[in-house]
């Protein structure tokens, strides 16, 4: 491949890469917001069911652990691809 065709390929793929990065960033921000909302609702339901607040908070930490696990897996996949 010549340098010109390589440069052309990079320039043509740039908008797609930017779009993908923006989509991943939006997904990460949305995931964080949804996890917090779900966690709060889960805690409220457990407390309404008669569980102690400390125990409800401890159980809802699983949502954070799951989110962190998902993002770590995604990061590892991206880093392996580079």
C-alpha atoms as a PDB file:
ATOM      1  CA  UNK A   1       0.000   0.000   0.000  1.00  0.00           C
ATOM      2  CA  UNK A   2       1.238   3.416  -0.781  1.00  0.00           C
ATOM      3  CA  UNK A   3       1.319   6.220   1.739  1.00  0.00           C
ATOM      4  CA  UNK A   4      -1.431   8.079  -0.100  1.00  0.00           C
ATOM      5  CA  UNK A   5      -3.864   5.161   0.046  1.00  0.00           C
ATOM      6  CA  UNK A   6      -3.091   4.609   3.738  1.00  0.00           C
ATOM      7  CA  UNK A   7      -3.729   8.270   4.482  1.00  0.00           C
ATOM      8  CA  UNK A   8      -6.952   8.165   2.475  1.00  0.00           C
ATOM      9  CA  UNK A   9      -8.116   5.115   4.441  1.00  0.00           C
ATOM     10  CA  UNK A  10      -7.400   6.823   7.759  1.00  0.00           C
ATOM     11  CA  UNK A  11      -9.207   9.996   6.705  1.00  0.00           C
ATOM     12  CA  UNK A  12     -12.247   8.038   5.478  1.00  0.00           C
ATOM     13  CA  UNK A  13     -12.508   6.008   8.681  1.00  0.00           C
ATOM     14  CA  UNK A  14     -12.133   8.990  11.047  1.00  0.00           C
ATOM     15  CA  UNK A  15     -15.853   9.969  11.112  1.00  0.00           C
ATOM     16  CA  UNK A  16     -16.822   6.381  11.919  1.00  0.00           C
ATOM     17  CA  UNK A  17     -14.274   6.161  14.719  1.00  0.00           C
ATOM     18  CA  UNK A  18     -15.457   9.461  16.191  1.00  0.00           C
ATOM     19  CA  UNK A  19     -19.062   8.299  16.002  1.00  0.00           C
ATOM     20  CA  UNK A  20     -18.169   5.020  17.725  1.00  0.00           C
ATOM     21  CA  UNK A  21     -16.272   6.816  20.502  1.00  0.00           C
ATOM     22  CA  UNK A  22     -19.177   9.200  21.070  1.00  0.00           C
ATOM     23  CA  UNK A  23     -21.596   6.271  21.197  1.00  0.00           C
ATOM     24  CA  UNK A  24     -19.433   4.433  23.729  1.00  0.00           C
ATOM     25  CA  UNK A  25     -19.128   7.557  25.872  1.00  0.00           C
ATOM     26  CA  UNK A  26     -22.891   8.117  25.786  1.00  0.00           C
ATOM     27  CA  UNK A  27     -23.485   4.458  26.637  1.00  0.00           C
ATOM     28  CA  UNK A  28     -21.147   4.679  29.625  1.00  0.00           C
ATOM     29  CA  UNK A  29     -22.826   7.851  30.946  1.00  0.00           C
ATOM     30  CA  UNK A  30     -26.298   6.382  30.441  1.00  0.00           C
ATOM     31  CA  UNK A  31     -25.300   3.115  32.098  1.00  0.00           C
ATOM     32  CA  UNK A  32     -24.055   4.951  35.187  1.00  0.00           C
ATOM     33  CA  UNK A  33     -27.279   6.937  35.492  1.00  0.00           C
ATOM     34  CA  UNK A  34     -29.474   3.882  35.025  1.00  0.00           C
ATOM     35  CA  UNK A  35     -27.510   1.848  37.558  1.00  0.00           C
ATOM     36  CA  UNK A  36     -27.893   4.592  40.180  1.00  0.00           C
ATOM     37  CA  UNK A  37     -31.625   4.854  39.488  1.00  0.00           C
ATOM     38  CA  UNK A  38     -32.116   1.070  39.628  1.00  0.00           C
ATOM     39  CA  UNK A  39     -30.024   0.776  42.770  1.00  0.00           C
ATOM     40  CA  UNK A  40     -32.061   3.467  44.524  1.00  0.00           C
ATOM     41  CA  UNK A  41     -35.380   1.851  43.515  1.00  0.00           C
ATOM     42  CA  UNK A  42     -34.142  -1.569  44.649  1.00  0.00           C
ATOM     43  CA  UNK A  43     -33.131  -0.181  48.043  1.00  0.00           C
ATOM     44  CA  UNK A  44     -36.502   1.550  48.456  1.00  0.00           C
ATOM     45  CA  UNK A  45     -38.385  -1.650  47.700  1.00  0.00           C
ATOM     46  CA  UNK A  46     -36.301  -3.644  50.164  1.00  0.00           C
ATOM     47  CA  UNK A  47     -36.802  -1.022  52.884  1.00  0.00           C
ATOM     48  CA  UNK A  48     -40.562  -0.959  52.206  1.00  0.00           C
ATOM     49  CA  UNK A  49     -40.501  -4.745  52.560  1.00  0.00           C
ATOM     50  CA  UNK A  50     -39.118  -4.391  56.085  1.00  0.00           C
ATOM     51  CA  UNK A  51     -35.385  -4.815  55.563  1.00  0.00           C
ATOM     52  CA  UNK A  52     -32.892  -2.672  57.452  1.00  0.00           C
ATOM     53  CA  UNK A  53     -31.403   0.186  55.435  1.00  0.00           C
ATOM     54  CA  UNK A  54     -27.808  -0.995  55.917  1.00  0.00           C
ATOM     55  CA  UNK A  55     -28.675  -4.451  54.591  1.00  0.00           C
ATOM     56  CA  UNK A  56     -30.538  -2.968  51.602  1.00  0.00           C
ATOM     57  CA  UNK A  57     -27.540  -0.794  50.739  1.00  0.00           C
ATOM     58  CA  UNK A  58     -25.218  -3.774  51.046  1.00  0.00           C
ATOM     59  CA  UNK A  59     -27.382  -5.858  48.699  1.00  0.00           C
ATOM     60  CA  UNK A  60     -27.688  -3.053  46.155  1.00  0.00           C
ATOM     61  CA  UNK A  61     -23.906  -2.828  45.857  1.00  0.00           C
ATOM     62  CA  UNK A  62     -24.163  -5.805  43.477  1.00  0.00           C
ATOM     63  CA  UNK A  63     -25.421  -3.392  40.798  1.00  0.00           C
ATOM     64  CA  UNK A  64     -22.235  -1.314  41.070  1.00  0.00           C
ATOM     65  CA  UNK A  65     -20.079  -4.431  40.979  1.00  0.00           C
ATOM     66  CA  UNK A  66     -21.881  -5.650  37.861  1.00  0.00           C
ATOM     67  CA  UNK A  67     -21.454  -2.274  36.119  1.00  0.00           C
ATOM     68  CA  UNK A  68     -17.763  -2.197  36.993  1.00  0.00           C
ATOM     69  CA  UNK A  69     -17.329  -5.748  35.721  1.00  0.00           C
ATOM     70  CA  UNK A  70     -19.036  -4.907  32.433  1.00  0.00           C
ATOM     71  CA  UNK A  71     -16.961  -1.795  31.832  1.00  0.00           C
ATOM     72  CA  UNK A  72     -13.747  -3.618  32.734  1.00  0.00           C
ATOM     73  CA  UNK A  73     -14.572  -6.383  30.259  1.00  0.00           C
ATOM     74  CA  UNK A  74     -15.262  -3.810  27.544  1.00  0.00           C
ATOM     75  CA  UNK A  75     -12.013  -1.987  28.257  1.00  0.00           C
ATOM     76  CA  UNK A  76     -10.039  -5.217  28.095  1.00  0.00           C
ATOM     77  CA  UNK A  77     -11.636  -6.079  24.771  1.00  0.00           C
ATOM     78  CA  UNK A  78     -10.770  -2.684  23.345  1.00  0.00           C
ATOM     79  CA  UNK A  79      -7.190  -2.836  24.595  1.00  0.00           C
ATOM     80  CA  UNK A  80      -6.682  -6.309  23.104  1.00  0.00           C
ATOM     81  CA  UNK A  81      -7.943  -5.037  19.758  1.00  0.00           C
ATOM     82  CA  UNK A  82      -5.347  -2.278  19.691  1.00  0.00           C
END
